């Protein structure tokens, strides 16, 4: 049984204004594969995860993790996304 791989692919893709179709073409997969990965329905191979990270010029661990990601507001600003208070 394989573990769920959590990802920020949809967030990064939207931030960079890259369509699923364009990203899929760049990394050599079908655009539906990108959607399956974003929804957590498919775990990418190591090869594909590295290609995606390289495309966005990010470390692979910035896109994928075995643990759920904290909200970006918490990681970047130290703000709890639930109540807007600082976490320090």
Protein backbone atom coordinates (compact mmCIF):
# COMPACT_ATOMS: atom_id res chain seq x y z
CA UNK A 1 0.00 0.00 0.00
CA UNK A 2 1.51 3.34 -0.98
CA UNK A 3 1.37 6.46 1.14
CA UNK A 4 -0.51 9.60 0.17
CA UNK A 5 1.85 12.15 -1.30
CA UNK A 6 0.73 15.69 -0.48
CA UNK A 7 1.48 18.41 -2.97
CA UNK A 8 1.28 22.11 -3.68
CA UNK A 9 1.27 21.68 -7.42
CA UNK A 10 -2.07 23.45 -8.02
CA UNK A 11 -1.01 26.42 -5.88
CA UNK A 12 2.34 26.83 -7.60
CA UNK A 13 0.85 26.28 -11.04
CA UNK A 14 -1.83 28.92 -10.43
CA UNK A 15 0.68 31.34 -8.95
CA UNK A 16 2.89 30.99 -12.04
CA UNK A 17 -0.15 31.17 -14.37
CA UNK A 18 0.65 27.85 -16.06
CA UNK A 19 -2.20 25.74 -17.45
CA UNK A 20 -2.40 22.01 -16.83
CA UNK A 21 -2.06 21.49 -20.57
CA UNK A 22 1.12 23.58 -20.84
CA UNK A 23 2.69 21.97 -17.77
CA UNK A 24 1.83 18.49 -18.97
CA UNK A 25 3.38 19.17 -22.36
CA UNK A 26 6.59 20.47 -20.75
CA UNK A 27 7.06 17.39 -18.54
CA UNK A 28 5.79 14.82 -21.04
CA UNK A 29 2.51 13.61 -19.53
CA UNK A 30 -1.20 13.90 -20.33
CA UNK A 31 -2.88 16.99 -18.88
CA UNK A 32 -5.26 14.76 -16.90
CA UNK A 33 -2.26 13.33 -15.05
CA UNK A 34 -1.53 16.81 -13.68
CA UNK A 35 -5.13 17.03 -12.43
CA UNK A 36 -4.92 13.59 -10.80
CA UNK A 37 -1.72 14.59 -9.01
CA UNK A 38 -3.19 17.91 -7.84
CA UNK A 39 -6.26 16.16 -6.41
CA UNK A 40 -4.14 13.50 -4.68
CA UNK A 41 -5.58 10.71 -6.84
CA UNK A 42 -2.20 9.77 -8.26
CA UNK A 43 1.28 9.79 -6.76
CA UNK A 44 3.88 10.90 -9.29
CA UNK A 45 6.91 8.78 -10.00
CA UNK A 46 10.21 10.12 -8.72
CA UNK A 47 11.14 10.99 -12.28
CA UNK A 48 7.94 13.02 -12.79
CA UNK A 49 8.22 14.73 -9.39
CA UNK A 50 11.76 15.82 -10.24
CA UNK A 51 10.69 17.06 -13.68
CA UNK A 52 7.88 19.12 -12.13
CA UNK A 53 10.22 20.60 -9.54
CA UNK A 54 12.81 21.41 -12.20
CA UNK A 55 10.17 23.07 -14.38
CA UNK A 56 9.22 25.42 -11.54
CA UNK A 57 12.87 25.74 -10.40
CA UNK A 58 11.95 24.61 -6.89
CA UNK A 59 13.31 21.87 -4.66
CA UNK A 60 11.12 18.78 -4.94
CA UNK A 61 10.22 19.06 -1.24
CA UNK A 62 8.67 22.47 -1.92
CA UNK A 63 6.11 20.70 -4.14
CA UNK A 64 5.73 17.26 -2.56
CA UNK A 65 5.68 15.84 0.97
CA UNK A 66 4.61 12.72 2.83
CA UNK A 67 3.21 15.01 5.55
CA UNK A 68 0.40 17.51 4.94
CA UNK A 69 1.67 21.00 4.19
CA UNK A 70 0.99 23.84 6.62
CA UNK A 71 -0.97 26.73 5.10
CA UNK A 72 1.39 29.13 3.32
CA UNK A 73 0.24 31.97 5.59
CA UNK A 74 1.55 29.99 8.57
CA UNK A 75 4.86 29.13 6.96
CA UNK A 76 5.59 32.52 5.48
CA UNK A 77 3.95 35.00 7.83
CA UNK A 78 3.56 33.01 11.03
CA UNK A 79 -0.21 33.51 10.88
CA UNK A 80 -2.72 30.81 11.81
CA UNK A 81 -5.05 30.49 8.84
CA UNK A 82 -8.02 29.63 11.08
CA UNK A 83 -8.05 32.74 13.22
CA UNK A 84 -5.58 35.18 11.67
CA UNK A 85 -3.39 35.35 14.77
CA UNK A 86 0.37 35.03 14.73
CA UNK A 87 1.70 31.64 15.74
CA UNK A 88 4.71 32.90 17.72
